[in-house]
């Protein structure tokens, strides 16, 4: 468990390996994640395996009874929660999910105008009463300067880029009451001497800038809200260089491969019409405690935007979707999830899957998403089981060292 915790907090982060995530297809068995998070699932797996092994070795009724209880009792508790849990009556929000179905391997080098036309065409299919409209991660092509989302190149006016203005006009004419949540790439610029560790030097001038994977909330008045992705995919969005200090002089930006983008510090909440939405970006949905930061800041439902097409038609994008079901249980927040292509859809706060769009489907789906402001035990305390496991690990190591020293001294005597 301590090792798994390091997967979630260190620079070399790969939370796919957490055993508790393995129950994402059997959410009926882990409804108690709202108290423990996925590390409770890891603890369950470990204890079950240890006790089953001991029962096989001892072959006694007592050992088999203990093993059976550890396996069965959490399932019984989960089924009881499953049958009794009720969604708080705090109203709903009308949410529309857009799945553009653009090939990920072409979208960053493809026809920008065609991608923009595709988005505008799909927005025409969004119901008039939508309060939130979700576009996937990096759906709006190009790079834009914060805070106005002006065009990236030096000397550009401090006004919204042409396509952002078009999106604003579209909202004003067709969806005046809606907030559009869309993914894009933004840049933040700094004077020399004020740059961050991830900033790169401007090609023209003496300044620096960061590139962020960003969720933008845009309303019909042109007002914007911004969230920077805070959990980055290792090797693609972030390469830790502190391990390679002696070779730092060899580290270069390989066209967006090595340490190339900035990191958001926490979850951000987008407010609109009295409703608070948490705009998590793709990989952030794998981190239960970080994901909970959106909820602790007031999110009443979660809006996950992702770019799952990188996986092609493999189990990868399917598993990424199902892990979102565990986040729904941990924090008891309904989820609307927009992917570039399969799988987009709605997930209830109990982890049940509603309407979805599959692989290589293009379209729009809409639903009334229930709201919740209550905090679960896990939301309040995060990965407390994993933090406790670190102290237990330390005590075990100290005990082992003391034991070896004592035994060595005994042998000398």
Protein backbone atom coordinates (compact mmCIF):
# COMPACT_ATOMS: atom_id res chain seq x y z
CA UNK A 1 0.00 0.00 0.00
CA UNK A 2 2.85 2.37 0.77
CA UNK A 3 4.36 1.63 -2.63
CA UNK A 4 1.02 2.24 -4.33
CA UNK A 5 0.72 5.54 -2.49
CA UNK A 6 4.07 6.59 -3.90
CA UNK A 7 2.63 5.94 -7.37
CA UNK A 8 0.11 8.71 -6.70
CA UNK A 9 2.27 11.38 -5.05
CA UNK A 10 5.70 11.04 -6.66
CA UNK A 11 6.95 12.33 -10.00
CA UNK A 12 7.10 8.75 -11.30
CA UNK A 13 3.36 8.38 -11.04
CA UNK A 14 1.47 5.42 -12.52
CA UNK A 15 -1.81 4.87 -10.62
CA UNK A 16 -2.97 2.16 -13.03
CA UNK A 17 -1.05 -0.26 -10.81
CA UNK A 18 -3.21 0.28 -7.70
CA UNK A 19 -4.95 -2.99 -6.84
CA UNK A 20 -8.09 -1.21 -5.65
CA UNK A 21 -8.69 0.13 -9.16
CA UNK A 22 -9.25 -3.46 -10.29
CA UNK A 23 -12.83 -3.37 -8.98
CA UNK A 24 -13.93 -0.67 -11.41
CA UNK A 25 -16.13 -3.17 -13.29
CA UNK A 26 -17.70 -4.53 -10.07
CA UNK A 27 -18.79 -1.34 -8.33
CA UNK A 28 -21.56 -3.26 -6.53
CA UNK A 29 -18.82 -4.86 -4.41
CA UNK A 30 -16.99 -1.68 -3.33
CA UNK A 31 -19.64 0.86 -2.40
CA UNK A 32 -17.71 1.34 0.85
CA UNK A 33 -15.02 3.19 -1.13
CA UNK A 34 -16.81 6.35 0.03
CA UNK A 35 -15.15 5.63 3.40
CA UNK A 36 -11.76 4.20 2.33
CA UNK A 37 -11.05 5.06 -1.30
CA UNK A 38 -9.29 2.57 -3.58
CA UNK A 39 -6.63 1.87 -0.95
CA UNK A 40 -9.36 0.14 1.00
CA UNK A 41 -9.67 -2.19 -1.98
CA UNK A 42 -5.93 -2.82 -1.92
CA UNK A 43 -6.08 -3.66 1.78
CA UNK A 44 -9.00 -6.02 1.10
CA UNK A 45 -7.03 -7.85 -1.60
CA UNK A 46 -3.95 -8.18 0.60
CA UNK A 47 -5.79 -9.47 3.67
CA UNK A 48 -7.88 -11.89 1.60
CA UNK A 49 -4.84 -13.37 -0.09
CA UNK A 50 -2.89 -13.71 3.16
CA UNK A 51 -5.75 -15.42 4.98
CA UNK A 52 -6.59 -17.74 2.07
CA UNK A 53 -2.93 -18.74 1.89
CA UNK A 54 -2.86 -19.43 5.63
CA UNK A 55 -6.08 -21.46 5.34
CA UNK A 56 -4.63 -23.56 2.53
CA UNK A 57 -1.52 -24.17 4.59
CA UNK A 58 -3.17 -24.86 7.97
CA UNK A 59 -6.36 -26.52 6.65
CA UNK A 60 -8.34 -25.73 9.79
CA UNK A 61 -11.94 -24.62 10.12
CA UNK A 62 -10.82 -21.55 12.04
CA UNK A 63 -8.51 -20.37 9.25
CA UNK A 64 -11.10 -21.00 6.55
CA UNK A 65 -13.74 -19.14 8.57
CA UNK A 66 -11.46 -16.11 8.97
CA UNK A 67 -10.66 -16.10 5.24
CA UNK A 68 -14.33 -16.40 4.29
CA UNK A 69 -15.31 -13.54 6.58
CA UNK A 70 -12.65 -11.20 5.20
CA UNK A 71 -13.77 -11.94 1.65
CA UNK A 72 -17.52 -11.87 2.26
CA UNK A 73 -18.18 -9.20 4.88
CA UNK A 74 -17.08 -6.22 2.71
CA UNK A 75 -19.29 -7.51 -0.11
CA UNK A 76 -22.30 -7.76 2.21
CA UNK A 77 -21.67 -4.24 3.51
CA UNK A 78 -21.33 -2.97 -0.04
CA UNK A 79 -24.60 -4.57 -1.16
CA UNK A 80 -26.35 -3.01 1.84
CA UNK A 81 -25.03 0.43 0.88
CA UNK A 82 -25.85 -0.24 -2.78
CA UNK A 83 -29.47 -0.92 -1.93
CA UNK A 84 -29.98 1.86 0.59
CA UNK A 85 -27.99 4.82 -0.75
CA UNK A 86 -30.14 7.66 -2.07
CA UNK A 87 -29.15 10.70 -4.10
CA UNK A 88 -29.63 13.92 -2.04
CA UNK A 89 -32.44 16.07 -3.39
CA UNK A 90 -30.48 19.16 -4.45
CA UNK A 91 -31.83 19.48 -7.96
CA UNK A 92 -30.24 18.70 -11.30
CA UNK A 93 -28.30 20.36 -14.11
CA UNK A 94 -29.01 19.81 -17.80
CA UNK A 95 -25.70 18.65 -19.28
CA UNK A 96 -24.83 17.90 -22.92
CA UNK A 97 -21.77 15.86 -23.86
CA UNK A 98 -20.13 16.37 -27.26
CA UNK A 99 -17.93 13.66 -28.79
CA UNK A 100 -16.22 15.07 -31.94
CA UNK A 101 -14.50 11.78 -32.97
CA UNK A 102 -11.28 13.29 -34.32
CA UNK A 103 -8.25 11.06 -34.86
CA UNK A 104 -5.81 11.95 -32.06
CA UNK A 105 -2.80 11.22 -34.22
CA UNK A 106 -3.99 13.74 -36.83
CA UNK A 107 -5.68 16.41 -34.73
CA UNK A 108 -2.50 18.29 -33.73
CA UNK A 109 -1.20 18.31 -37.30
CA UNK A 110 -4.47 18.25 -39.21
CA UNK A 111 -6.83 20.79 -40.70
CA UNK A 112 -7.66 23.28 -37.91
CA UNK A 113 -10.53 24.82 -39.85
CA UNK A 114 -12.15 21.40 -40.34
CA UNK A 115 -11.91 20.66 -36.60
CA UNK A 116 -13.50 24.00 -35.75
CA UNK A 117 -16.33 23.41 -38.23
CA UNK A 118 -16.88 19.97 -36.70
CA UNK A 119 -17.31 21.51 -33.23
CA UNK A 120 -19.70 24.22 -34.45
CA UNK A 121 -21.76 21.65 -36.33
CA UNK A 122 -22.10 19.47 -33.22
CA UNK A 123 -23.05 22.48 -31.08
CA UNK A 124 -26.06 22.88 -33.35
CA UNK A 125 -27.30 19.50 -32.08
CA UNK A 126 -27.14 20.53 -28.41
CA UNK A 127 -30.63 21.03 -26.90
CA UNK A 128 -31.62 24.64 -26.31
CA UNK A 129 -32.06 24.11 -22.55
CA UNK A 130 -28.53 22.88 -21.85
CA UNK A 131 -26.86 24.48 -18.82
CA UNK A 132 -23.46 22.87 -19.33
CA UNK A 133 -21.90 21.74 -22.64
CA UNK A 134 -18.81 19.55 -22.51
CA UNK A 135 -16.14 19.34 -25.21
CA UNK A 136 -13.19 16.96 -24.70
CA UNK A 137 -9.58 17.59 -23.72
CA UNK A 138 -7.61 19.69 -26.29
CA UNK A 139 -10.73 19.85 -28.48
CA UNK A 140 -10.13 23.49 -29.45
CA UNK A 141 -7.04 23.41 -31.70
CA UNK A 142 -4.17 25.84 -31.29
CA UNK A 143 -2.38 27.69 -28.47
CA UNK A 144 -3.82 30.75 -26.73
CA UNK A 145 -2.39 33.34 -24.36
CA UNK A 146 -3.98 33.71 -20.94
CA UNK A 147 -6.03 35.35 -19.62
CA UNK A 148 -7.85 36.67 -22.69
CA UNK A 149 -7.25 33.53 -24.81
CA UNK A 150 -5.70 35.71 -27.46
CA UNK A 151 -3.68 34.21 -30.28
CA UNK A 152 -0.27 32.90 -29.28
CA UNK A 153 2.10 34.72 -31.59
CA UNK A 154 4.02 37.78 -30.27
CA UNK A 155 2.28 41.10 -30.84
CA UNK A 156 -1.21 39.62 -30.99
CA UNK A 157 -3.90 41.88 -29.56
CA UNK A 158 -5.09 41.15 -26.03
CA UNK A 159 -8.51 40.05 -27.27
CA UNK A 160 -9.98 36.55 -27.66
CA UNK A 161 -8.79 34.52 -30.62
CA UNK A 162 -11.12 34.32 -33.58
CA UNK A 163 -12.51 30.86 -32.78
CA UNK A 164 -13.15 31.70 -29.12
CA UNK A 165 -15.11 34.72 -30.28
CA UNK A 166 -17.05 32.46 -32.66
CA UNK A 167 -17.83 30.10 -29.79
CA UNK A 168 -19.04 33.03 -27.69
CA UNK A 169 -21.28 34.23 -30.51
CA UNK A 170 -22.66 30.70 -30.96
CA UNK A 171 -23.49 30.44 -27.27
CA UNK A 172 -25.11 33.87 -27.29
CA UNK A 173 -27.35 33.01 -30.21
CA UNK A 174 -28.21 29.37 -29.48
CA UNK A 175 -27.38 28.62 -25.82
CA UNK A 176 -27.37 31.90 -23.87
CA UNK A 177 -27.82 30.15 -20.50
CA UNK A 178 -25.07 27.56 -21.02
CA UNK A 179 -21.46 27.27 -19.87
CA UNK A 180 -19.20 25.62 -22.42
CA UNK A 181 -16.39 23.54 -20.86
CA UNK A 182 -13.73 22.85 -23.47
CA UNK A 183 -10.15 21.63 -23.48
CA UNK A 184 -7.35 23.54 -25.20
CA UNK A 185 -3.67 24.50 -24.86
CA UNK A 186 -2.95 27.83 -23.18
CA UNK A 187 0.23 29.74 -22.42
CA UNK A 188 1.18 31.95 -19.49
CA UNK A 189 4.01 34.41 -20.02
CA UNK A 190 6.59 35.69 -17.51
CA UNK A 191 9.31 38.34 -17.53
CA UNK A 192 12.91 37.16 -17.27
CA UNK A 193 13.73 36.17 -13.70
CA UNK A 194 10.13 35.33 -12.78
CA UNK A 195 9.77 32.09 -14.74
CA UNK A 196 8.83 28.69 -13.30
CA UNK A 197 10.86 25.46 -13.51
CA UNK A 198 8.78 24.27 -16.44
CA UNK A 199 8.90 27.54 -18.39
CA UNK A 200 10.70 27.75 -21.71
CA UNK A 201 12.38 30.77 -23.25
CA UNK A 202 10.49 32.79 -25.82
CA UNK A 203 11.97 32.56 -29.26
CA UNK A 204 11.71 36.32 -29.68
CA UNK A 205 12.37 38.52 -26.66
CA UNK A 206 13.73 37.96 -23.16
CA UNK A 207 10.66 36.46 -21.53
CA UNK A 208 9.52 32.94 -20.70
CA UNK A 209 6.25 31.05 -20.94
CA UNK A 210 4.55 27.90 -19.71
CA UNK A 211 2.29 25.72 -21.83
CA UNK A 212 -0.71 24.22 -20.00
CA UNK A 213 -3.22 21.53 -20.79
CA UNK A 214 -6.27 23.58 -19.88
CA UNK A 215 -10.01 23.33 -19.29
CA UNK A 216 -11.78 26.56 -20.18
CA UNK A 217 -15.25 27.55 -19.00
CA UNK A 218 -16.81 29.99 -21.47
CA UNK A 219 -20.23 31.64 -21.18
CA UNK A 220 -22.32 33.62 -23.66
CA UNK A 221 -20.96 36.93 -22.33
CA UNK A 222 -17.41 35.89 -23.19
CA UNK A 223 -16.36 35.43 -19.55
CA UNK A 224 -13.81 32.66 -19.00
CA UNK A 225 -12.77 30.38 -16.15
CA UNK A 226 -9.56 28.36 -16.33
CA UNK A 227 -8.28 25.11 -14.81
CA UNK A 228 -4.76 23.82 -15.50
CA UNK A 229 -4.21 20.07 -15.54
CA UNK A 230 -2.47 19.14 -12.30
CA UNK A 231 -1.71 15.44 -12.80
CA UNK A 232 0.41 14.93 -15.89
CA UNK A 233 1.07 11.76 -17.87
CA UNK A 234 4.65 10.68 -17.24
CA UNK A 235 6.89 10.63 -20.31
CA UNK A 236 4.37 12.53 -22.43
CA UNK A 237 3.39 15.63 -20.46
CA UNK A 238 6.04 15.41 -17.75
CA UNK A 239 9.46 13.83 -17.47
CA UNK A 240 11.03 14.18 -14.00
CA UNK A 241 14.57 15.46 -14.47
CA UNK A 242 15.58 15.63 -10.78
CA UNK A 243 16.62 11.96 -10.97
CA UNK A 244 18.95 12.75 -13.82
CA UNK A 245 20.68 15.82 -12.41
CA UNK A 246 24.07 14.61 -13.57
CA UNK A 247 22.69 14.30 -17.10
CA UNK A 248 20.55 17.43 -17.07
CA UNK A 249 22.71 18.99 -19.79
CA UNK A 250 21.46 16.25 -22.12
CA UNK A 251 17.75 16.93 -21.50
CA UNK A 252 16.11 18.75 -24.40
CA UNK A 253 12.56 19.43 -25.53
CA UNK A 254 11.91 16.71 -28.08
CA UNK A 255 8.91 18.36 -29.70
CA UNK A 256 6.72 17.97 -26.66
CA UNK A 257 8.14 14.87 -24.98
CA UNK A 258 10.43 15.96 -22.14
CA UNK A 259 9.07 18.11 -19.28
CA UNK A 260 7.25 20.35 -21.69
CA UNK A 261 4.14 21.63 -19.92
CA UNK A 262 3.26 23.42 -16.72
CA UNK A 263 1.41 21.83 -13.83
CA UNK A 264 -1.74 23.08 -12.12
CA UNK A 265 -1.55 23.09 -8.33
CA UNK A 266 -5.07 22.05 -7.36
CA UNK A 267 -8.58 21.32 -8.61
CA UNK A 268 -10.58 24.33 -9.78
CA UNK A 269 -14.35 24.69 -9.75
CA UNK A 270 -16.39 26.38 -12.47
CA UNK A 271 -19.51 28.14 -11.23
CA UNK A 272 -22.47 28.88 -13.46
CA UNK A 273 -26.10 29.64 -12.73
CA UNK A 274 -25.70 28.69 -9.07
CA UNK A 275 -24.24 25.25 -9.96
CA UNK A 276 -20.61 24.26 -9.31
CA UNK A 277 -18.86 21.84 -11.69
CA UNK A 278 -15.43 20.21 -11.32
CA UNK A 279 -13.62 20.18 -14.71
CA UNK A 280 -11.15 17.30 -14.25
CA UNK A 281 -8.89 16.62 -17.22
CA UNK A 282 -8.31 12.99 -18.26
CA UNK A 283 -5.47 11.60 -16.08
CA UNK A 284 -6.72 13.56 -13.06
CA UNK A 285 -9.56 11.04 -12.89
CA UNK A 286 -7.08 8.37 -11.76
CA UNK A 287 -6.14 10.17 -8.52
CA UNK A 288 -8.84 9.83 -5.89
CA UNK A 289 -7.45 12.41 -3.45
CA UNK A 290 -6.53 15.01 -6.08
CA UNK A 291 -9.92 14.48 -7.72
CA UNK A 292 -11.48 15.10 -4.32
CA UNK A 293 -9.95 18.58 -4.34
CA UNK A 294 -12.60 19.63 -6.87
CA UNK A 295 -15.29 18.34 -4.51
CA UNK A 296 -13.77 19.96 -1.42
CA UNK A 297 -13.82 23.26 -3.31
CA UNK A 298 -17.54 22.94 -3.91
CA UNK A 299 -18.12 20.83 -7.05
CA UNK A 300 -21.69 19.48 -7.08
CA UNK A 301 -21.05 17.27 -10.10
CA UNK A 302 -17.92 16.36 -12.06
CA UNK A 303 -17.25 17.14 -15.71
CA UNK A 304 -14.36 14.96 -16.91
CA UNK A 305 -12.88 15.87 -20.31
CA UNK A 306 -10.49 13.43 -21.94
CA UNK A 307 -8.69 12.55 -25.17
CA UNK A 308 -8.94 8.74 -25.06
CA UNK A 309 -8.29 8.18 -28.75
CA UNK A 310 -4.57 7.72 -28.03
CA UNK A 311 -5.42 4.19 -26.91
CA UNK A 312 -6.91 3.21 -30.26
CA UNK A 313 -9.63 0.56 -29.97
CA UNK A 314 -8.08 -1.32 -27.03
CA UNK A 315 -9.13 -2.00 -23.42
CA UNK A 316 -7.15 1.11 -22.38
CA UNK A 317 -9.83 3.73 -23.03
CA UNK A 318 -12.53 1.42 -21.64
CA UNK A 319 -10.64 0.96 -18.37
CA UNK A 320 -10.05 4.71 -18.08
CA UNK A 321 -13.82 5.21 -18.31
CA UNK A 322 -14.64 2.52 -15.74
CA UNK A 323 -12.14 3.91 -13.21
CA UNK A 324 -14.27 7.07 -13.25
CA UNK A 325 -17.02 4.93 -11.70
CA UNK A 326 -14.81 4.48 -8.62
CA UNK A 327 -14.33 8.26 -8.37
CA UNK A 328 -18.11 8.67 -8.44
CA UNK A 329 -18.47 6.29 -5.47
CA UNK A 330 -15.57 7.74 -3.47
CA UNK A 331 -16.99 11.27 -3.57
CA UNK A 332 -20.66 10.54 -4.38
CA UNK A 333 -20.69 12.91 -7.31
CA UNK A 334 -22.39 12.20 -10.62
CA UNK A 335 -20.08 12.43 -13.62
CA UNK A 336 -20.52 13.70 -17.17
CA UNK A 337 -17.55 12.52 -19.22
CA UNK A 338 -16.64 13.87 -22.65
CA UNK A 339 -13.96 12.01 -24.62
CA UNK A 340 -12.61 12.84 -28.05
CA UNK A 341 -13.78 9.41 -29.10
CA UNK A 342 -15.21 6.49 -27.09
CA UNK A 343 -16.14 6.41 -24.35
CA UNK A 344 -18.23 9.42 -23.41
CA UNK A 345 -21.20 9.18 -21.10
CA UNK A 346 -22.93 9.70 -17.80
CA UNK A 347 -22.13 7.96 -14.49
CA UNK A 348 -24.32 8.20 -11.40
CA UNK A 349 -23.00 8.88 -7.90
CA UNK A 350 -23.50 5.16 -7.23
CA UNK A 351 -21.25 4.23 -10.15
CA UNK A 352 -24.06 3.18 -12.48
CA UNK A 353 -23.44 3.90 -16.17
CA UNK A 354 -26.10 5.83 -18.09
CA UNK A 355 -26.20 6.74 -21.78
CA UNK A 356 -22.84 6.55 -23.55
CA UNK A 357 -21.17 7.10 -26.92
CA UNK A 358 -18.80 4.33 -27.99
CA UNK A 359 -15.64 4.03 -30.03
CA UNK A 360 -15.59 6.17 -33.21
CA UNK A 361 -19.10 7.47 -32.58
CA UNK A 362 -19.68 11.14 -33.29
CA UNK A 363 -22.55 12.92 -31.65
CA UNK A 364 -24.22 14.62 -28.69
CA UNK A 365 -25.97 13.08 -25.69
CA UNK A 366 -27.81 14.94 -22.95
CA UNK A 367 -29.14 14.15 -19.48
CA UNK A 368 -30.21 15.78 -16.25
CA UNK A 369 -27.29 15.28 -13.84
CA UNK A 370 -28.17 15.20 -10.11
CA UNK A 371 -26.29 17.55 -7.78
CA UNK A 372 -24.76 16.87 -4.37
CA UNK A 373 -22.96 19.11 -1.86
CA UNK A 374 -22.34 16.54 0.91
CA UNK A 375 -18.79 15.35 1.61
CA UNK A 376 -17.96 11.68 2.13
CA UNK A 377 -15.47 10.44 4.71
CA UNK A 378 -12.97 9.77 1.94
CA UNK A 379 -13.43 13.25 0.48
CA UNK A 380 -12.71 14.79 3.87
CA UNK A 381 -9.62 12.73 4.76
CA UNK A 382 -8.28 11.53 1.42
CA UNK A 383 -5.81 8.65 1.25
CA UNK A 384 -5.52 8.24 5.03
CA UNK A 385 -5.15 4.44 4.79
CA UNK A 386 -2.16 4.84 2.49
CA UNK A 387 -0.56 7.43 4.76
CA UNK A 388 -1.01 5.11 7.76
CA UNK A 389 0.61 2.32 5.75
CA UNK A 390 3.73 4.46 5.34
CA UNK A 391 4.10 4.69 9.13
CA UNK A 392 3.48 0.94 9.48
CA UNK A 393 6.16 0.30 6.85
CA UNK A 394 8.62 2.51 8.73
CA UNK A 395 7.90 0.69 12.01
CA UNK A 396 8.37 -2.67 10.28
CA UNK A 397 11.74 -1.60 8.88
CA UNK A 398 12.88 -0.28 12.28
CA UNK A 399 11.72 -3.49 13.97
CA UNK A 400 13.59 -5.60 11.42
CA UNK A 401 16.78 -3.56 11.89
CA UNK A 402 16.50 -3.84 15.68
CA UNK A 403 15.88 -7.58 15.41
CA UNK A 404 18.92 -8.12 13.19
CA UNK A 405 21.16 -6.06 15.48
CA UNK A 406 19.95 -7.95 18.55
CA UNK A 407 20.43 -11.32 16.87
CA UNK A 408 23.91 -10.39 15.68
CA UNK A 409 24.91 -9.35 19.18
CA UNK A 410 23.52 -12.63 20.52
CA UNK A 411 25.61 -14.62 18.05
CA UNK A 412 28.76 -12.73 19.02
CA UNK A 413 28.21 -13.70 22.62
